[in-house]
Amino acid sequence: MKINKNSQIEAYKNIFSLKQHELEFKLLIQKTIPKDFDGDVLDIGCATGNAINIIKEIYPNSSITGIDLKKELLHIARKRVGPKPKLIQACITKYTPEKKFDLIIASGVLSIFDDISKMLNKWINWLKKNSTLYIYGRFNSSDIDTIVYFRNLNYGNKWESGLNAFSLKTVKKFLQRKKVKYKFKKFKLNKDLKKQKNPIRTFTLKLKNSTRIVVNGANILAEHYHLIIKK
């Protein structure tokens, strides 16, 4: 069975205001990287450019490269981020950068891959010494790794990846072997999300104690974390 990398781009095409996790990313980066930062930045899976615009705002002297598989998203990104950031259409599994980076961003990307150790190793190797890898995505606080394939019948008939959730334990063991510093910060959504027409989109359910849980039409609960890795 051929598995396609997640092509569910509808969620990115028309949402340009910053989401809660992107606002938190902005604060985390500001706490981690000094104000006069002017280094090289890579945004993996840049979509329509939200993270690029964040970096442009707080670090205007940085040199930014964005990479995404979808030409349609890059076309929108170019209109939003202006002419200066370098935008590249490529598959991340095949892409080899021309240089190393001071900051790499991978938001909502890691859950696409079945072998996260391979991707994490690649991204860490793309970092310069004393640099930062920022990841946002699905992780499991229980000691279980899950690989999920789904078929969104409202948008075709192909099996896709994109809902994988590896355990904190698995990721920590890998990062310890790499001898890098790291910190997980659990993301807690502070508002309700309504169920939408596209069943792959996440929505919230509220428990009796007012705790929100994030689910989607695949009947999968999702825990999200920010992960900052220092090389």
C-alpha atoms as a PDB file:
ATOM      1  CA  MET A   1       0.000   0.000   0.000  1.00  0.00           C
ATOM      2  CA  LYS A   2       1.431   3.340  -1.048  1.00  0.00           C
ATOM      3  CA  ILE A   3       1.258   5.968   1.683  1.00  0.00           C
ATOM      4  CA  ASN A   4       1.222   9.638   0.710  1.00  0.00           C
ATOM      5  CA  LYS A   5       2.656  12.326   2.911  1.00  0.00           C
ATOM      6  CA  ASN A   6      -0.121  14.410   4.417  1.00  0.00           C
ATOM      7  CA  SER A   7      -1.705  16.502   1.647  1.00  0.00           C
ATOM      8  CA  GLN A   8      -4.501  17.968   3.785  1.00  0.00           C
ATOM      9  CA  ILE A   9      -3.589  21.566   2.952  1.00  0.00           C
ATOM     10  CA  GLU A  10      -7.096  23.049   3.110  1.00  0.00           C
ATOM     11  CA  ALA A  11      -6.545  24.060   6.732  1.00  0.00           C
ATOM     12  CA  TYR A  12      -3.576  26.252   5.789  1.00  0.00           C
ATOM     13  CA  LYS A  13      -4.883  28.031   2.704  1.00  0.00           C
ATOM     14  CA  ASN A  14      -7.207  30.585   4.315  1.00  0.00           C
ATOM     15  CA  ILE A  15      -6.040  30.898   7.927  1.00  0.00           C
ATOM     16  CA  PHE A  16      -3.484  33.678   8.229  1.00  0.00           C
ATOM     17  CA  SER A  17      -4.009  34.954  11.777  1.00  0.00           C
ATOM     18  CA  LEU A  18      -1.670  33.390  14.309  1.00  0.00           C
ATOM     19  CA  LYS A  19      -2.963  30.363  16.179  1.00  0.00           C
ATOM     20  CA  GLN A  20      -2.408  29.965  19.911  1.00  0.00           C
ATOM     21  CA  HIS A  21       0.525  27.606  19.456  1.00  0.00           C
ATOM     22  CA  GLU A  22       2.165  30.089  17.054  1.00  0.00           C
ATOM     23  CA  LEU A  23       1.804  32.900  19.583  1.00  0.00           C
ATOM     24  CA  GLU A  24       3.420  30.623  22.173  1.00  0.00           C
ATOM     25  CA  PHE A  25       6.172  29.795  19.682  1.00  0.00           C
ATOM     26  CA  LYS A  26       6.874  33.505  19.341  1.00  0.00           C
ATOM     27  CA  LEU A  27       7.255  33.903  23.101  1.00  0.00           C
ATOM     28  CA  LEU A  28       9.396  30.774  23.441  1.00  0.00           C
ATOM     29  CA  ILE A  29      11.747  31.873  20.679  1.00  0.00           C
ATOM     30  CA  GLN A  30      12.110  35.334  22.194  1.00  0.00           C
ATOM     31  CA  LYS A  31      13.085  33.727  25.504  1.00  0.00           C
ATOM     32  CA  THR A  32      15.572  31.431  23.796  1.00  0.00           C
ATOM     33  CA  ILE A  33      17.235  33.633  21.178  1.00  0.00           C
ATOM     34  CA  PRO A  34      18.674  37.140  21.773  1.00  0.00           C
ATOM     35  CA  LYS A  35      17.089  40.251  20.233  1.00  0.00           C
ATOM     36  CA  ASP A  36      20.079  40.969  17.986  1.00  0.00           C
ATOM     37  CA  PHE A  37      19.926  37.561  16.305  1.00  0.00           C
ATOM     38  CA  ASP A  38      20.912  37.818  12.630  1.00  0.00           C
ATOM     39  CA  GLY A  39      21.554  34.172  11.788  1.00  0.00           C
ATOM     40  CA  ASP A  40      20.322  31.659   9.245  1.00  0.00           C
ATOM     41  CA  VAL A  41      16.802  30.256   9.751  1.00  0.00           C
ATOM     42  CA  LEU A  42      15.106  27.264   8.107  1.00  0.00           C
ATOM     43  CA  ASP A  43      11.328  26.766   8.335  1.00  0.00           C
ATOM     44  CA  ILE A  44      10.477  23.145   7.445  1.00  0.00           C
ATOM     45  CA  GLY A  45       6.917  22.861   6.167  1.00  0.00           C
ATOM     46  CA  CYS A  46       6.541  26.639   5.992  1.00  0.00           C
ATOM     47  CA  ALA A  47       3.017  26.448   4.452  1.00  0.00           C
ATOM     48  CA  THR A  48       1.694  30.000   3.938  1.00  0.00           C
ATOM     49  CA  GLY A  49       4.410  31.687   5.965  1.00  0.00           C
ATOM     50  CA  ASN A  50       3.114  32.328   9.497  1.00  0.00           C
ATOM     51  CA  ALA A  51       6.367  31.311  11.203  1.00  0.00           C
ATOM     52  CA  ILE A  52       8.430  33.168   8.615  1.00  0.00           C
ATOM     53  CA  ASN A  53       6.513  36.380   9.341  1.00  0.00           C
ATOM     54  CA  ILE A  54       7.067  35.865  13.081  1.00  0.00           C
ATOM     55  CA  ILE A  55      10.821  35.565  12.549  1.00  0.00           C
ATOM     56  CA  LYS A  56      10.827  38.561  10.190  1.00  0.00           C
ATOM     57  CA  GLU A  57       9.100  40.655  12.838  1.00  0.00           C
ATOM     58  CA  ILE A  58      11.309  39.870  15.820  1.00  0.00           C
ATOM     59  CA  TYR A  59      14.587  39.181  13.951  1.00  0.00           C
ATOM     60  CA  PRO A  60      14.516  41.451  10.862  1.00  0.00           C
ATOM     61  CA  ASN A  61      18.220  40.900  10.114  1.00  0.00           C
ATOM     62  CA  SER A  62      17.962  37.121   9.926  1.00  0.00           C
ATOM     63  CA  SER A  63      18.303  35.176   6.667  1.00  0.00           C
ATOM     64  CA  ILE A  64      15.232  32.953   6.228  1.00  0.00           C
ATOM     65  CA  THR A  65      14.649  29.890   4.060  1.00  0.00           C
ATOM     66  CA  GLY A  66      11.254  28.202   3.868  1.00  0.00           C
ATOM     67  CA  ILE A  67      10.644  24.767   2.397  1.00  0.00           C
ATOM     68  CA  ASP A  68       7.334  23.082   1.590  1.00  0.00           C
ATOM     69  CA  LEU A  69       6.138  20.286  -0.653  1.00  0.00           C
ATOM     70  CA  LYS A  70       3.045  22.132  -1.882  1.00  0.00           C
ATOM     71  CA  LYS A  71       3.485  24.717  -4.645  1.00  0.00           C
ATOM     72  CA  GLU A  72       0.036  26.166  -3.918  1.00  0.00           C
ATOM     73  CA  LEU A  73       1.008  27.002  -0.332  1.00  0.00           C
ATOM     74  CA  LEU A  74       4.342  28.511  -1.384  1.00  0.00           C
ATOM     75  CA  HIS A  75       2.527  30.747  -3.878  1.00  0.00           C
ATOM     76  CA  ILE A  76       0.404  32.131  -1.037  1.00  0.00           C
ATOM     77  CA  ALA A  77       3.460  32.416   1.218  1.00  0.00           C
ATOM     78  CA  ARG A  78       5.359  34.493  -1.334  1.00  0.00           C
ATOM     79  CA  LYS A  79       2.576  37.072  -1.406  1.00  0.00           C
ATOM     80  CA  ARG A  80       2.557  37.227   2.399  1.00  0.00           C
ATOM     81  CA  VAL A  81       6.265  37.192   3.321  1.00  0.00           C
ATOM     82  CA  GLY A  82       7.608  39.403   0.543  1.00  0.00           C
ATOM     83  CA  PRO A  83      10.555  38.899  -1.801  1.00  0.00           C
ATOM     84  CA  LYS A  84      13.430  38.419   0.635  1.00  0.00           C
ATOM     85  CA  PRO A  85      12.881  35.007   2.301  1.00  0.00           C
ATOM     86  CA  LYS A  86      14.043  32.136   0.099  1.00  0.00           C
ATOM     87  CA  LEU A  87      11.176  29.720  -0.598  1.00  0.00           C
ATOM     88  CA  ILE A  88      11.895  26.221  -1.920  1.00  0.00           C
ATOM     89  CA  GLN A  89       9.483  23.585  -3.177  1.00  0.00           C
ATOM     90  CA  ALA A  90      10.915  20.214  -2.175  1.00  0.00           C
ATOM     91  CA  CYS A  91      10.238  17.010  -0.289  1.00  0.00           C
ATOM     92  CA  ILE A  92      11.958  17.221   3.071  1.00  0.00           C
ATOM     93  CA  THR A  93      13.120  13.597   2.855  1.00  0.00           C
ATOM     94  CA  LYS A  94      15.085  14.438  -0.308  1.00  0.00           C
ATOM     95  CA  TYR A  95      16.136  18.007   0.461  1.00  0.00           C
ATOM     96  CA  THR A  96      19.776  18.758   1.265  1.00  0.00           C
ATOM     97  CA  PRO A  97      20.491  22.334   2.380  1.00  0.00           C
ATOM     98  CA  GLU A  98      23.427  24.308   1.023  1.00  0.00           C
ATOM     99  CA  LYS A  99      24.377  25.491   4.509  1.00  0.00           C
ATOM    100  CA  LYS A 100      23.758  24.854   8.186  1.00  0.00           C
ATOM    101  CA  PHE A 101      21.383  26.927  10.285  1.00  0.00           C
ATOM    102  CA  ASP A 102      21.261  28.809  13.587  1.00  0.00           C
ATOM    103  CA  LEU A 103      17.530  28.124  13.981  1.00  0.00           C
ATOM    104  CA  ILE A 104      15.372  25.408  12.445  1.00  0.00           C
ATOM    105  CA  ILE A 105      11.582  25.400  12.818  1.00  0.00           C
ATOM    106  CA  ALA A 106       9.463  22.297  12.201  1.00  0.00           C
ATOM    107  CA  SER A 107       5.876  22.953  13.249  1.00  0.00           C
ATOM    108  CA  GLY A 108       3.282  20.250  12.632  1.00  0.00           C
ATOM    109  CA  VAL A 109       5.690  18.232  10.510  1.00  0.00           C
ATOM    110  CA  LEU A 110       7.178  15.425  12.589  1.00  0.00           C
ATOM    111  CA  SER A 111       3.910  13.448  12.845  1.00  0.00           C
ATOM    112  CA  ILE A 112       4.054  12.762   9.100  1.00  0.00           C
ATOM    113  CA  PHE A 113       7.051  10.443   9.434  1.00  0.00           C
ATOM    114  CA  ASP A 114       7.124   6.835  10.568  1.00  0.00           C
ATOM    115  CA  ASP A 115      10.822   6.987  11.495  1.00  0.00           C
ATOM    116  CA  ILE A 116      11.250  10.095  13.601  1.00  0.00           C
ATOM    117  CA  SER A 117      14.806   9.220  14.631  1.00  0.00           C
ATOM    118  CA  LYS A 118      15.861   9.551  10.989  1.00  0.00           C
ATOM    119  CA  MET A 119      14.232  12.984  10.632  1.00  0.00           C
ATOM    120  CA  LEU A 120      15.415  14.286  13.996  1.00  0.00           C
ATOM    121  CA  ASN A 121      18.945  13.154  13.237  1.00  0.00           C
ATOM    122  CA  LYS A 122      18.818  14.925   9.872  1.00  0.00           C
ATOM    123  CA  TRP A 123      17.521  18.177  11.346  1.00  0.00           C
ATOM    124  CA  ILE A 124      19.991  18.187  14.236  1.00  0.00           C
ATOM    125  CA  ASN A 125      22.830  17.622  11.764  1.00  0.00           C
ATOM    126  CA  TRP A 126      21.658  20.678   9.822  1.00  0.00           C
ATOM    127  CA  LEU A 127      22.226  22.864  12.886  1.00  0.00           C
ATOM    128  CA  LYS A 128      25.334  24.877  13.535  1.00  0.00           C
ATOM    129  CA  LYS A 129      27.034  24.542  16.896  1.00  0.00           C
ATOM    130  CA  ASN A 130      25.191  26.339  19.729  1.00  0.00           C
ATOM    131  CA  SER A 131      21.991  26.554  17.689  1.00  0.00           C
ATOM    132  CA  THR A 132      18.300  25.716  18.170  1.00  0.00           C
ATOM    133  CA  LEU A 133      15.742  23.310  16.713  1.00  0.00           C
ATOM    134  CA  TYR A 134      12.132  24.182  17.509  1.00  0.00           C
ATOM    135  CA  ILE A 135       9.420  21.546  17.017  1.00  0.00           C
ATOM    136  CA  TYR A 136       5.689  21.725  17.611  1.00  0.00           C
ATOM    137  CA  GLY A 137       3.466  18.716  17.177  1.00  0.00           C
ATOM    138  CA  ARG A 138       1.814  15.536  18.430  1.00  0.00           C
ATOM    139  CA  PHE A 139       3.543  13.552  21.156  1.00  0.00           C
ATOM    140  CA  ASN A 140       2.240  10.944  23.582  1.00  0.00           C
ATOM    141  CA  SER A 141       2.752  11.353  27.334  1.00  0.00           C
ATOM    142  CA  SER A 142       2.020   7.621  27.726  1.00  0.00           C
ATOM    143  CA  ASP A 143       4.764   5.151  26.820  1.00  0.00           C
ATOM    144  CA  ILE A 144       3.209   4.180  23.503  1.00  0.00           C
ATOM    145  CA  ASP A 145       4.290   5.065  19.967  1.00  0.00           C
ATOM    146  CA  THR A 146       1.574   5.158  17.315  1.00  0.00           C
ATOM    147  CA  ILE A 147       1.770   5.154  13.528  1.00  0.00           C
ATOM    148  CA  VAL A 148      -1.546   6.057  11.897  1.00  0.00           C
ATOM    149  CA  TYR A 149      -2.656   5.954   8.273  1.00  0.00           C
ATOM    150  CA  PHE A 150      -5.919   7.605   7.315  1.00  0.00           C
ATOM    151  CA  ARG A 151      -8.081   8.115   4.248  1.00  0.00           C
ATOM    152  CA  ASN A 152     -10.144  11.298   4.169  1.00  0.00           C
ATOM    153  CA  LEU A 153     -12.994  10.306   1.862  1.00  0.00           C
ATOM    154  CA  ASN A 154     -14.159  13.912   1.491  1.00  0.00           C
ATOM    155  CA  TYR A 155     -10.850  14.757  -0.193  1.00  0.00           C
ATOM    156  CA  GLY A 156      -9.937  11.722  -2.287  1.00  0.00           C
ATOM    157  CA  ASN A 157      -9.297   8.024  -1.823  1.00  0.00           C
ATOM    158  CA  LYS A 158      -5.608   7.884  -0.902  1.00  0.00           C
ATOM    159  CA  TRP A 159      -4.066   6.595   2.293  1.00  0.00           C
ATOM    160  CA  GLU A 160      -1.976   9.247   4.006  1.00  0.00           C
ATOM    161  CA  SER A 161       0.229   9.817   7.015  1.00  0.00           C
ATOM    162  CA  GLY A 162       0.202  12.792   9.352  1.00  0.00           C
ATOM    163  CA  LEU A 163      -1.369  11.655  12.624  1.00  0.00           C
ATOM    164  CA  ASN A 164       1.557   9.746  14.143  1.00  0.00           C
ATOM    165  CA  ALA A 165       2.346  10.372  17.819  1.00  0.00           C
ATOM    166  CA  PHE A 166       5.596   9.112  19.295  1.00  0.00           C
ATOM    167  CA  SER A 167       5.994   8.950  23.047  1.00  0.00           C
ATOM    168  CA  LEU A 168       7.950  11.451  25.075  1.00  0.00           C
ATOM    169  CA  LYS A 169       9.982   8.490  26.323  1.00  0.00           C
ATOM    170  CA  THR A 170      11.048   7.484  22.802  1.00  0.00           C
ATOM    171  CA  VAL A 171      11.990  11.028  21.829  1.00  0.00           C
ATOM    172  CA  LYS A 172      13.881  11.668  25.063  1.00  0.00           C
ATOM    173  CA  LYS A 173      15.908   8.462  24.676  1.00  0.00           C
ATOM    174  CA  PHE A 174      16.913   9.500  21.170  1.00  0.00           C
ATOM    175  CA  LEU A 175      17.865  13.037  22.204  1.00  0.00           C
ATOM    176  CA  GLN A 176      19.884  11.732  25.137  1.00  0.00           C
ATOM    177  CA  ARG A 177      21.864   9.546  22.748  1.00  0.00           C
ATOM    178  CA  LYS A 178      22.490  12.614  20.596  1.00  0.00           C
ATOM    179  CA  LYS A 179      23.753  14.438  23.704  1.00  0.00           C
ATOM    180  CA  VAL A 180      21.754  17.575  23.065  1.00  0.00           C
ATOM    181  CA  LYS A 181      19.839  19.706  25.541  1.00  0.00           C
ATOM    182  CA  TYR A 182      16.067  19.691  25.188  1.00  0.00           C
ATOM    183  CA  LYS A 183      12.871  20.808  26.871  1.00  0.00           C
ATOM    184  CA  PHE A 184       9.251  19.770  26.334  1.00  0.00           C
ATOM    185  CA  LYS A 185       6.449  22.218  27.098  1.00  0.00           C
ATOM    186  CA  LYS A 186       2.907  20.841  26.955  1.00  0.00           C
ATOM    187  CA  PHE A 187       0.479  22.864  24.882  1.00  0.00           C
ATOM    188  CA  LYS A 188      -2.903  23.544  26.480  1.00  0.00           C
ATOM    189  CA  LEU A 189      -5.567  24.947  24.212  1.00  0.00           C
ATOM    190  CA  ASN A 190      -7.399  27.797  25.935  1.00  0.00           C
ATOM    191  CA  LYS A 191     -10.466  27.982  23.702  1.00  0.00           C
ATOM    192  CA  ASP A 192     -13.109  25.713  22.203  1.00  0.00           C
ATOM    193  CA  LEU A 193     -12.794  24.549  18.598  1.00  0.00           C
ATOM    194  CA  LYS A 194     -15.963  23.670  16.728  1.00  0.00           C
ATOM    195  CA  LYS A 195     -16.308  20.575  14.586  1.00  0.00           C
ATOM    196  CA  GLN A 196     -15.825  21.527  10.941  1.00  0.00           C
ATOM    197  CA  LYS A 197     -16.917  20.206   7.564  1.00  0.00           C
ATOM    198  CA  ASN A 198     -13.524  18.664   6.848  1.00  0.00           C
ATOM    199  CA  PRO A 199     -13.426  15.656   9.219  1.00  0.00           C
ATOM    200  CA  ILE A 200      -9.629  15.657   9.527  1.00  0.00           C
ATOM    201  CA  ARG A 201      -9.673  19.053  11.254  1.00  0.00           C
ATOM    202  CA  THR A 202      -9.314  18.985  15.019  1.00  0.00           C
ATOM    203  CA  PHE A 203     -12.028  20.107  17.422  1.00  0.00           C
ATOM    204  CA  THR A 204     -12.443  20.092  21.185  1.00  0.00           C
ATOM    205  CA  LEU A 205     -14.619  18.272  23.652  1.00  0.00           C
ATOM    206  CA  LYS A 206     -15.000  19.582  27.176  1.00  0.00           C
ATOM    207  CA  LEU A 207     -14.986  17.233  30.154  1.00  0.00           C
ATOM    208  CA  LYS A 208     -17.010  17.733  33.343  1.00  0.00           C
ATOM    209  CA  ASN A 209     -14.001  19.349  35.031  1.00  0.00           C
ATOM    210  CA  SER A 210     -13.829  21.877  32.112  1.00  0.00           C
ATOM    211  CA  THR A 211     -10.677  20.253  30.739  1.00  0.00           C
ATOM    212  CA  ARG A 212     -10.548  20.357  26.934  1.00  0.00           C
ATOM    213  CA  ILE A 213      -9.468  17.372  24.890  1.00  0.00           C
ATOM    214  CA  VAL A 214      -8.502  17.697  21.233  1.00  0.00           C
ATOM    215  CA  VAL A 215      -9.914  15.143  18.807  1.00  0.00           C
ATOM    216  CA  ASN A 216     -10.600  14.746  15.088  1.00  0.00           C
ATOM    217  CA  GLY A 217     -12.841  12.796  12.749  1.00  0.00           C
ATOM    218  CA  ALA A 218     -10.431   9.864  12.849  1.00  0.00           C
ATOM    219  CA  ASN A 219     -11.500   9.368  16.495  1.00  0.00           C
ATOM    220  CA  ILE A 220      -7.972  10.143  17.684  1.00  0.00           C
ATOM    221  CA  LEU A 221      -7.159  12.167  20.793  1.00  0.00           C
ATOM    222  CA  ALA A 222      -4.209  14.487  20.393  1.00  0.00           C
ATOM    223  CA  GLU A 223      -1.635  15.814  22.852  1.00  0.00           C
ATOM    224  CA  HIS A 224       0.547  18.604  21.553  1.00  0.00           C
ATOM    225  CA  TYR A 225       3.904  19.832  22.813  1.00  0.00           C
ATOM    226  CA  HIS A 226       6.490  22.455  22.069  1.00  0.00           C
ATOM    227  CA  LEU A 227       9.978  20.922  21.957  1.00  0.00           C
ATOM    228  CA  ILE A 228      13.100  23.060  21.975  1.00  0.00           C
ATOM    229  CA  ILE A 229      16.414  21.334  21.269  1.00  0.00           C
ATOM    230  CA  LYS A 230      19.757  23.046  21.800  1.00  0.00           C
ATOM    231  CA  LYS A 231      22.768  21.617  20.011  1.00  0.00           C
END
